[in-house]
C-alpha atoms as a PDB file:
ATOM      1  CA  MET A   1     100.985  42.754 123.949  1.00  0.00           C
ATOM      2  CA  THR A   2      97.617  43.515 125.486  1.00  0.00           C
ATOM      3  CA  SER A   3      94.962  45.800 124.076  1.00  0.00           C
ATOM      4  CA  GLN A   4      95.667  48.079 127.034  1.00  0.00           C
ATOM      5  CA  ASP A   5      99.341  48.248 125.998  1.00  0.00           C
ATOM      6  CA  GLN A   6      98.248  49.094 122.451  1.00  0.00           C
ATOM      7  CA  GLU A   7      96.076  51.931 123.772  1.00  0.00           C
ATOM      8  CA  VAL A   8      99.039  53.286 125.768  1.00  0.00           C
ATOM      9  CA  ILE A   9     101.270  53.073 122.679  1.00  0.00           C
ATOM     10  CA  GLU A  10      98.754  54.947 120.535  1.00  0.00           C
ATOM     11  CA  ALA A  11      98.225  57.678 123.154  1.00  0.00           C
ATOM     12  CA  ILE A  12     101.956  58.247 123.657  1.00  0.00           C
ATOM     13  CA  LYS A  13     102.720  58.103 119.933  1.00  0.00           C
ATOM     14  CA  SER A  14      99.980  60.627 119.184  1.00  0.00           C
ATOM     15  CA  PHE A  15     101.246  62.980 121.910  1.00  0.00           C
ATOM     16  CA  VAL A  16     104.889  62.748 120.790  1.00  0.00           C
ATOM     17  CA  LEU A  17     103.987  63.343 117.136  1.00  0.00           C
ATOM     18  CA  LYS A  18     101.730  66.307 117.940  1.00  0.00           C
ATOM     19  CA  GLU A  19     104.003  67.976 120.506  1.00  0.00           C
ATOM     20  CA  PHE A  20     107.531  67.188 119.373  1.00  0.00           C
ATOM     21  CA  LEU A  21     107.440  65.939 115.767  1.00  0.00           C
ATOM     22  CA  PRO A  22     104.746  67.942 113.980  1.00  0.00           C
ATOM     23  CA  GLY A  23     104.589  67.113 110.293  1.00  0.00           C
ATOM     24  CA  GLU A  24     106.623  63.920 110.622  1.00  0.00           C
ATOM     25  CA  ASP A  25     105.445  60.682 109.068  1.00  0.00           C
ATOM     26  CA  PRO A  26     103.664  58.782 111.881  1.00  0.00           C
ATOM     27  CA  SER A  27     104.904  55.458 110.520  1.00  0.00           C
ATOM     28  CA  ALA A  28     108.495  56.616 111.067  1.00  0.00           C
ATOM     29  CA  LEU A  29     107.938  56.700 114.841  1.00  0.00           C
ATOM     30  CA  GLU A  30     108.406  53.139 116.059  1.00  0.00           C
ATOM     31  CA  THR A  31     108.000  51.929 119.640  1.00  0.00           C
ATOM     32  CA  THR A  32     111.776  51.432 119.665  1.00  0.00           C
ATOM     33  CA  THR A  33     112.721  54.855 118.243  1.00  0.00           C
ATOM     34  CA  PRO A  34     115.107  56.526 120.735  1.00  0.00           C
ATOM     35  CA  LEU A  35     113.643  59.892 121.751  1.00  0.00           C
ATOM     36  CA  ILE A  36     115.999  61.232 124.406  1.00  0.00           C
ATOM     37  CA  THR A  37     119.332  59.841 123.210  1.00  0.00           C
ATOM     38  CA  THR A  38     118.710  61.180 119.693  1.00  0.00           C
ATOM     39  CA  GLY A  39     117.757  64.651 120.942  1.00  0.00           C
ATOM     40  CA  ILE A  40     114.088  64.523 119.931  1.00  0.00           C
ATOM     41  CA  LEU A  41     113.230  65.131 123.580  1.00  0.00           C
ATOM     42  CA  ASP A  42     115.250  67.683 125.534  1.00  0.00           C
ATOM     43  CA  SER A  43     114.826  68.307 129.258  1.00  0.00           C
ATOM     44  CA  ILE A  44     111.799  70.590 128.845  1.00  0.00           C
ATOM     45  CA  ALA A  45     110.132  68.174 126.416  1.00  0.00           C
ATOM     46  CA  THR A  46     110.784  65.319 128.836  1.00  0.00           C
ATOM     47  CA  LEU A  47     109.040  67.257 131.605  1.00  0.00           C
ATOM     48  CA  LYS A  48     106.046  67.837 129.325  1.00  0.00           C
ATOM     49  CA  LEU A  49     106.012  64.123 128.577  1.00  0.00           C
ATOM     50  CA  VAL A  50     106.074  63.247 132.298  1.00  0.00           C
ATOM     51  CA  VAL A  51     103.105  65.558 132.954  1.00  0.00           C
ATOM     52  CA  PHE A  52     101.240  63.970 130.044  1.00  0.00           C
ATOM     53  CA  LEU A  53     101.912  60.423 131.270  1.00  0.00           C
ATOM     54  CA  GLU A  54     100.838  61.254 134.817  1.00  0.00           C
ATOM     55  CA  GLU A  55      97.645  63.025 133.775  1.00  0.00           C
ATOM     56  CA  ARG A  56      96.648  60.675 130.948  1.00  0.00           C
ATOM     57  CA  PHE A  57      97.251  57.429 132.799  1.00  0.00           C
ATOM     58  CA  GLY A  58      96.585  58.504 136.393  1.00  0.00           C
ATOM     59  CA  ILE A  59     100.037  57.560 137.626  1.00  0.00           C
ATOM     60  CA  GLU A  60     102.740  59.340 139.581  1.00  0.00           C
ATOM     61  CA  LEU A  61     106.345  59.134 138.470  1.00  0.00           C
ATOM     62  CA  GLU A  62     109.260  59.429 140.857  1.00  0.00           C
ATOM     63  CA  SER A  63     112.107  61.772 139.899  1.00  0.00           C
ATOM     64  CA  HIS A  64     114.440  58.834 139.139  1.00  0.00           C
ATOM     65  CA  GLU A  65     111.856  57.510 136.656  1.00  0.00           C
ATOM     66  CA  ALA A  66     111.913  60.689 134.558  1.00  0.00           C
ATOM     67  CA  GLY A  67     115.085  59.852 132.683  1.00  0.00           C
ATOM     68  CA  VAL A  68     116.471  58.001 129.716  1.00  0.00           C
ATOM     69  CA  GLU A  69     116.151  54.585 131.379  1.00  0.00           C
ATOM     70  CA  HIS A  70     112.351  54.837 131.513  1.00  0.00           C
ATOM     71  CA  LEU A  71     111.459  57.393 128.840  1.00  0.00           C
ATOM     72  CA  ASN A  72     113.829  56.922 125.906  1.00  0.00           C
ATOM     73  CA  THR A  73     111.423  54.900 123.773  1.00  0.00           C
ATOM     74  CA  ILE A  74     107.678  54.414 123.604  1.00  0.00           C
ATOM     75  CA  ALA A  75     108.279  50.778 124.566  1.00  0.00           C
ATOM     76  CA  ASP A  76     110.089  51.950 127.728  1.00  0.00           C
ATOM     77  CA  MET A  77     107.141  54.202 128.565  1.00  0.00           C
ATOM     78  CA  VAL A  78     104.604  51.404 128.050  1.00  0.00           C
ATOM     79  CA  THR A  79     106.579  49.224 130.474  1.00  0.00           C
ATOM     80  CA  LEU A  80     106.709  52.072 132.995  1.00  0.00           C
ATOM     81  CA  VAL A  81     102.982  52.831 132.743  1.00  0.00           C
ATOM     82  CA  ALA A  82     102.117  49.121 133.050  1.00  0.00           C
ATOM     83  CA  SER A  83     104.325  48.734 136.123  1.00  0.00           C
ATOM     84  CA  LYS A  84     102.717  51.778 137.751  1.00  0.00           C
ATOM     85  CA  ARG A  85      99.223  50.499 137.047  1.00  0.00           C
ATOM     86  CA  THR A  86      99.972  47.126 138.623  1.00  0.00           C
ATOM     87  CA  GLY A  87     102.018  48.551 141.470  1.00  0.00           C
ATOM     88  CA  THR A  88     105.232  46.739 140.545  1.00  0.00           C
ATOM     89  CA  ALA A  89     107.360  49.815 139.943  1.00  0.00           C
END
């Protein structure tokens, strides 16, 4: 994992904790914690997350990328952001 990946993880984790899990123990949110399939993120929360990712990381997500396959875990999001930054998405 690169330092850039670690920065992406920290930014996403901070956003998810602040917006969707206020008061939760930050150590309980792992990079592999399912967010959509467990109901932590509903459709409106997922849209907020997409806007955050696009604005924070200067990327543009396609509609097919705004689902469980790419956004269910922080690890999935890091992979998506990295692929967008390198143009391999």
